[in-house]
């Protein structure tokens, strides 16, 4: 199902488009993902809708079969990519978990802004994006996923999230679908 509407108070959440993450090999050209996420951010700001930029600066503790990539990050790792054109009014969330809601102020901030729907983009599809979408859905937000403004390090994981998980969490749409709804005044 394609995205059908955007609530009057919809926020964009961009996950982990930061220098360290985008330097890793991805399933899709990262430049295209960044360009589309930037276009969404520009369009949301142009309509005075909230933009949330998320970076990751750590990992939760606990055992996993796959070792974390790093415990300490090099200088600049968490810096958001300049193409997002960070603005003073953007809400910045630094997370240390997979999703953007756990142990952050994101839920309270969104609710304080009167947000009822979120559009999510970024990296990686099966981890940060999916975890944030699941949590947003559980919190009662309408969820839209900008499927061409995200990628993963693993194509199979990306495809599985889009084909099997996301339709159960919200609506999927392309960047252009979302931009068209914004232009029509759906949000």
C-alpha atoms as a PDB file:
ATOM      1  CA  UNK A   1       0.000   0.000   0.000  1.00  0.00           C
ATOM      2  CA  UNK A   2       1.297   3.427  -0.899  1.00  0.00           C
ATOM      3  CA  UNK A   3       1.248   6.356   1.472  1.00  0.00           C
ATOM      4  CA  UNK A   4      -2.265   7.838   1.451  1.00  0.00           C
ATOM      5  CA  UNK A   5      -2.079  10.977   3.564  1.00  0.00           C
ATOM      6  CA  UNK A   6       0.020  13.011   5.933  1.00  0.00           C
ATOM      7  CA  UNK A   7      -1.471  14.330   9.158  1.00  0.00           C
ATOM      8  CA  UNK A   8      -1.467  18.109   9.650  1.00  0.00           C
ATOM      9  CA  UNK A   9       1.343  17.745  12.205  1.00  0.00           C
ATOM     10  CA  UNK A  10       3.764  15.236  10.698  1.00  0.00           C
ATOM     11  CA  UNK A  11       7.453  15.123  11.620  1.00  0.00           C
ATOM     12  CA  UNK A  12      10.372  13.800   9.604  1.00  0.00           C
ATOM     13  CA  UNK A  13      12.838  11.568  11.460  1.00  0.00           C
ATOM     14  CA  UNK A  14      16.169  10.944   9.726  1.00  0.00           C
ATOM     15  CA  UNK A  15      18.124   8.056  11.247  1.00  0.00           C
ATOM     16  CA  UNK A  16      21.946   7.878  11.429  1.00  0.00           C
ATOM     17  CA  UNK A  17      22.924   9.784   8.293  1.00  0.00           C
ATOM     18  CA  UNK A  18      26.237  10.622   9.882  1.00  0.00           C
ATOM     19  CA  UNK A  19      29.774  10.592   8.542  1.00  0.00           C
ATOM     20  CA  UNK A  20      30.850   7.336  10.189  1.00  0.00           C
ATOM     21  CA  UNK A  21      27.811   5.331   9.137  1.00  0.00           C
ATOM     22  CA  UNK A  22      27.612   6.585   5.550  1.00  0.00           C
ATOM     23  CA  UNK A  23      31.267   5.616   5.049  1.00  0.00           C
ATOM     24  CA  UNK A  24      30.319   1.934   5.427  1.00  0.00           C
ATOM     25  CA  UNK A  25      29.393  -0.217   2.405  1.00  0.00           C
ATOM     26  CA  UNK A  26      25.641  -0.109   1.759  1.00  0.00           C
ATOM     27  CA  UNK A  27      23.193  -2.017  -0.448  1.00  0.00           C
ATOM     28  CA  UNK A  28      22.200   1.144  -2.354  1.00  0.00           C
ATOM     29  CA  UNK A  29      24.190   4.203  -3.411  1.00  0.00           C
ATOM     30  CA  UNK A  30      24.410   6.248  -0.212  1.00  0.00           C
ATOM     31  CA  UNK A  31      24.583   9.524  -2.114  1.00  0.00           C
ATOM     32  CA  UNK A  32      21.072   8.908  -3.479  1.00  0.00           C
ATOM     33  CA  UNK A  33      19.743   8.107  -0.006  1.00  0.00           C
ATOM     34  CA  UNK A  34      21.321  11.260   1.425  1.00  0.00           C
ATOM     35  CA  UNK A  35      19.967  13.405  -1.434  1.00  0.00           C
ATOM     36  CA  UNK A  36      16.416  12.108  -0.924  1.00  0.00           C
ATOM     37  CA  UNK A  37      16.561  12.529   2.854  1.00  0.00           C
ATOM     38  CA  UNK A  38      17.854  16.065   2.327  1.00  0.00           C
ATOM     39  CA  UNK A  39      14.994  16.821  -0.082  1.00  0.00           C
ATOM     40  CA  UNK A  40      12.499  15.601   2.515  1.00  0.00           C
ATOM     41  CA  UNK A  41      14.129  17.714   5.232  1.00  0.00           C
ATOM     42  CA  UNK A  42      14.012  20.800   2.995  1.00  0.00           C
ATOM     43  CA  UNK A  43      10.333  20.195   2.167  1.00  0.00           C
ATOM     44  CA  UNK A  44       9.341  19.651   5.806  1.00  0.00           C
ATOM     45  CA  UNK A  45      11.178  22.792   6.894  1.00  0.00           C
ATOM     46  CA  UNK A  46       9.573  24.725   4.035  1.00  0.00           C
ATOM     47  CA  UNK A  47       6.167  23.867   5.487  1.00  0.00           C
ATOM     48  CA  UNK A  48       7.229  24.597   9.083  1.00  0.00           C
ATOM     49  CA  UNK A  49       6.951  20.908   9.978  1.00  0.00           C
ATOM     50  CA  UNK A  50       9.334  19.358  12.521  1.00  0.00           C
ATOM     51  CA  UNK A  51      12.575  17.729  11.416  1.00  0.00           C
ATOM     52  CA  UNK A  52      14.380  15.339  13.763  1.00  0.00           C
ATOM     53  CA  UNK A  53      17.979  14.407  12.969  1.00  0.00           C
ATOM     54  CA  UNK A  54      19.256  11.334  14.806  1.00  0.00           C
ATOM     55  CA  UNK A  55      22.812  10.125  15.215  1.00  0.00           C
ATOM     56  CA  UNK A  56      24.212   7.161  17.097  1.00  0.00           C
ATOM     57  CA  UNK A  57      27.083   7.548  19.531  1.00  0.00           C
ATOM     58  CA  UNK A  58      27.214   4.171  21.228  1.00  0.00           C
ATOM     59  CA  UNK A  59      25.670   0.751  21.511  1.00  0.00           C
ATOM     60  CA  UNK A  60      23.582  -0.934  24.166  1.00  0.00           C
ATOM     61  CA  UNK A  61      25.334  -3.431  26.368  1.00  0.00           C
ATOM     62  CA  UNK A  62      24.560  -7.115  26.168  1.00  0.00           C
ATOM     63  CA  UNK A  63      25.742 -10.162  24.305  1.00  0.00           C
ATOM     64  CA  UNK A  64      25.085 -10.649  20.601  1.00  0.00           C
ATOM     65  CA  UNK A  65      26.378 -13.188  18.117  1.00  0.00           C
ATOM     66  CA  UNK A  66      27.677 -10.430  15.878  1.00  0.00           C
ATOM     67  CA  UNK A  67      30.286  -8.282  17.559  1.00  0.00           C
ATOM     68  CA  UNK A  68      29.715  -4.527  17.453  1.00  0.00           C
ATOM     69  CA  UNK A  69      31.762  -2.679  14.826  1.00  0.00           C
ATOM     70  CA  UNK A  70      33.465  -0.484  17.402  1.00  0.00           C
ATOM     71  CA  UNK A  71      33.247   0.510  21.026  1.00  0.00           C
ATOM     72  CA  UNK A  72      34.953   3.839  20.455  1.00  0.00           C
ATOM     73  CA  UNK A  73      34.406   6.007  17.435  1.00  0.00           C
ATOM     74  CA  UNK A  74      36.975   8.086  15.570  1.00  0.00           C
ATOM     75  CA  UNK A  75      36.674  11.875  15.486  1.00  0.00           C
ATOM     76  CA  UNK A  76      33.816  13.020  13.284  1.00  0.00           C
ATOM     77  CA  UNK A  77      32.025   9.637  13.313  1.00  0.00           C
ATOM     78  CA  UNK A  78      28.809  11.066  14.782  1.00  0.00           C
ATOM     79  CA  UNK A  79      28.751  14.269  12.713  1.00  0.00           C
ATOM     80  CA  UNK A  80      25.608  14.532  10.616  1.00  0.00           C
ATOM     81  CA  UNK A  81      26.225  14.696   6.868  1.00  0.00           C
ATOM     82  CA  UNK A  82      26.240  18.314   5.657  1.00  0.00           C
ATOM     83  CA  UNK A  83      23.691  17.543   2.935  1.00  0.00           C
ATOM     84  CA  UNK A  84      20.993  17.432   5.630  1.00  0.00           C
ATOM     85  CA  UNK A  85      21.599  21.177   6.109  1.00  0.00           C
ATOM     86  CA  UNK A  86      21.014  21.063   9.849  1.00  0.00           C
ATOM     87  CA  UNK A  87      18.991  24.070  11.011  1.00  0.00           C
ATOM     88  CA  UNK A  88      18.715  25.677  14.428  1.00  0.00           C
ATOM     89  CA  UNK A  89      15.066  24.599  14.731  1.00  0.00           C
ATOM     90  CA  UNK A  90      15.806  20.912  13.959  1.00  0.00           C
ATOM     91  CA  UNK A  91      15.518  18.602  16.945  1.00  0.00           C
ATOM     92  CA  UNK A  92      18.733  16.592  17.426  1.00  0.00           C
ATOM     93  CA  UNK A  93      18.641  13.166  19.075  1.00  0.00           C
ATOM     94  CA  UNK A  94      21.795  11.282  19.997  1.00  0.00           C
ATOM     95  CA  UNK A  95      21.029   7.656  20.710  1.00  0.00           C
ATOM     96  CA  UNK A  96      23.019   4.831  22.204  1.00  0.00           C
ATOM     97  CA  UNK A  97      20.545   2.122  21.278  1.00  0.00           C
ATOM     98  CA  UNK A  98      19.230   0.790  17.984  1.00  0.00           C
ATOM     99  CA  UNK A  99      16.039   2.869  17.931  1.00  0.00           C
ATOM    100  CA  UNK A 100      15.658   6.607  18.448  1.00  0.00           C
ATOM    101  CA  UNK A 101      13.088   6.508  21.277  1.00  0.00           C
ATOM    102  CA  UNK A 102      14.802   4.486  24.024  1.00  0.00           C
ATOM    103  CA  UNK A 103      16.490   6.679  26.661  1.00  0.00           C
ATOM    104  CA  UNK A 104      16.013   9.872  24.616  1.00  0.00           C
ATOM    105  CA  UNK A 105      13.557  12.774  24.758  1.00  0.00           C
ATOM    106  CA  UNK A 106      12.096  11.990  21.326  1.00  0.00           C
ATOM    107  CA  UNK A 107       8.648  10.791  22.420  1.00  0.00           C
ATOM    108  CA  UNK A 108       8.092  13.717  24.800  1.00  0.00           C
ATOM    109  CA  UNK A 109       9.381  16.228  22.247  1.00  0.00           C
ATOM    110  CA  UNK A 110       7.155  14.928  19.440  1.00  0.00           C
ATOM    111  CA  UNK A 111       4.088  14.870  21.671  1.00  0.00           C
ATOM    112  CA  UNK A 112       4.931  18.340  22.972  1.00  0.00           C
ATOM    113  CA  UNK A 113       4.961  19.546  19.347  1.00  0.00           C
ATOM    114  CA  UNK A 114       1.547  17.946  18.733  1.00  0.00           C
ATOM    115  CA  UNK A 115       2.938  15.446  16.218  1.00  0.00           C
ATOM    116  CA  UNK A 116       0.612  12.572  15.284  1.00  0.00           C
ATOM    117  CA  UNK A 117       2.541  11.095  12.359  1.00  0.00           C
ATOM    118  CA  UNK A 118       6.192  10.449  11.568  1.00  0.00           C
ATOM    119  CA  UNK A 119       7.960   9.928   8.257  1.00  0.00           C
ATOM    120  CA  UNK A 120      11.151   7.922   8.730  1.00  0.00           C
ATOM    121  CA  UNK A 121      14.243   7.725   6.507  1.00  0.00           C
ATOM    122  CA  UNK A 122      17.908   6.814   6.995  1.00  0.00           C
ATOM    123  CA  UNK A 123      20.250   3.940   7.760  1.00  0.00           C
ATOM    124  CA  UNK A 124      20.015   1.095   8.429  1.00  0.00           C
ATOM    125  CA  UNK A 125      16.674  -0.174   7.237  1.00  0.00           C
ATOM    126  CA  UNK A 126      16.541  -3.346   9.358  1.00  0.00           C
ATOM    127  CA  UNK A 127      17.984  -1.831  12.510  1.00  0.00           C
ATOM    128  CA  UNK A 128      17.723   1.896  13.299  1.00  0.00           C
ATOM    129  CA  UNK A 129      14.871   2.648  10.893  1.00  0.00           C
ATOM    130  CA  UNK A 130      12.861  -0.460  11.745  1.00  0.00           C
ATOM    131  CA  UNK A 131      13.386  -0.162  15.514  1.00  0.00           C
ATOM    132  CA  UNK A 132      12.299   3.494  15.431  1.00  0.00           C
ATOM    133  CA  UNK A 133       9.254   2.659  13.298  1.00  0.00           C
ATOM    134  CA  UNK A 134       8.208  -0.171  15.619  1.00  0.00           C
ATOM    135  CA  UNK A 135       8.484   2.048  18.667  1.00  0.00           C
ATOM    136  CA  UNK A 136       6.652   4.939  16.974  1.00  0.00           C
ATOM    137  CA  UNK A 137       3.800   2.593  16.058  1.00  0.00           C
ATOM    138  CA  UNK A 138       3.654   1.238  19.622  1.00  0.00           C
ATOM    139  CA  UNK A 139       3.467   4.821  20.922  1.00  0.00           C
ATOM    140  CA  UNK A 140       0.442   5.554  18.723  1.00  0.00           C
ATOM    141  CA  UNK A 141       2.042   7.605  15.952  1.00  0.00           C
ATOM    142  CA  UNK A 142       0.984   7.048  12.349  1.00  0.00           C
ATOM    143  CA  UNK A 143       4.094   5.830  10.552  1.00  0.00           C
ATOM    144  CA  UNK A 144       5.206   6.430   6.976  1.00  0.00           C
ATOM    145  CA  UNK A 145       8.451   4.986   5.664  1.00  0.00           C
ATOM    146  CA  UNK A 146      10.324   6.727   2.845  1.00  0.00           C
ATOM    147  CA  UNK A 147      11.571   3.515   1.273  1.00  0.00           C
ATOM    148  CA  UNK A 148      13.908   5.084  -1.299  1.00  0.00           C
ATOM    149  CA  UNK A 149      15.469   7.379   1.323  1.00  0.00           C
ATOM    150  CA  UNK A 150      16.904   4.472   3.298  1.00  0.00           C
ATOM    151  CA  UNK A 151      19.352   1.653   2.867  1.00  0.00           C
ATOM    152  CA  UNK A 152      21.050  -1.119   4.778  1.00  0.00           C
ATOM    153  CA  UNK A 153      24.418  -2.804   4.784  1.00  0.00           C
ATOM    154  CA  UNK A 154      22.614  -6.017   3.774  1.00  0.00           C
ATOM    155  CA  UNK A 155      20.281  -6.067   0.749  1.00  0.00           C
ATOM    156  CA  UNK A 156      18.320  -9.106   1.968  1.00  0.00           C
ATOM    157  CA  UNK A 157      17.656  -7.465   5.336  1.00  0.00           C
ATOM    158  CA  UNK A 158      16.589  -4.212   3.608  1.00  0.00           C
ATOM    159  CA  UNK A 159      14.244  -6.082   1.273  1.00  0.00           C
ATOM    160  CA  UNK A 160      12.747  -8.116   4.113  1.00  0.00           C
ATOM    161  CA  UNK A 161      11.989  -4.994   6.162  1.00  0.00           C
ATOM    162  CA  UNK A 162      10.311  -3.219   3.243  1.00  0.00           C
ATOM    163  CA  UNK A 163       8.368  -6.232   1.959  1.00  0.00           C
ATOM    164  CA  UNK A 164       7.350  -7.940   5.185  1.00  0.00           C
ATOM    165  CA  UNK A 165       7.781  -5.692   8.224  1.00  0.00           C
ATOM    166  CA  UNK A 166       6.988  -2.134   7.144  1.00  0.00           C
ATOM    167  CA  UNK A 167       3.499  -2.867   5.747  1.00  0.00           C
ATOM    168  CA  UNK A 168       2.558  -4.003   9.267  1.00  0.00           C
ATOM    169  CA  UNK A 169       3.962  -0.854  10.887  1.00  0.00           C
ATOM    170  CA  UNK A 170       2.622   1.851   8.594  1.00  0.00           C
ATOM    171  CA  UNK A 171       2.544   2.975   5.000  1.00  0.00           C
ATOM    172  CA  UNK A 172       5.437   2.818   2.538  1.00  0.00           C
ATOM    173  CA  UNK A 173       6.070   5.535  -0.001  1.00  0.00           C
ATOM    174  CA  UNK A 174       8.792   6.997  -2.130  1.00  0.00           C
ATOM    175  CA  UNK A 175      10.328  10.373  -1.486  1.00  0.00           C
ATOM    176  CA  UNK A 176       8.346  11.713  -4.442  1.00  0.00           C
ATOM    177  CA  UNK A 177       5.073  10.309  -3.041  1.00  0.00           C
ATOM    178  CA  UNK A 178       5.720  12.162   0.218  1.00  0.00           C
ATOM    179  CA  UNK A 179       6.812  15.370  -1.521  1.00  0.00           C
ATOM    180  CA  UNK A 180       3.645  15.253  -3.657  1.00  0.00           C
ATOM    181  CA  UNK A 181       1.458  14.943  -0.547  1.00  0.00           C
ATOM    182  CA  UNK A 182       3.283  17.845   1.075  1.00  0.00           C
ATOM    183  CA  UNK A 183       2.778  19.954  -2.066  1.00  0.00           C
ATOM    184  CA  UNK A 184      -0.943  19.143  -2.096  1.00  0.00           C
ATOM    185  CA  UNK A 185      -1.183  20.367   1.462  1.00  0.00           C
ATOM    186  CA  UNK A 186      -1.869  16.926   2.920  1.00  0.00           C
ATOM    187  CA  UNK A 187       0.259  17.880   5.913  1.00  0.00           C
END
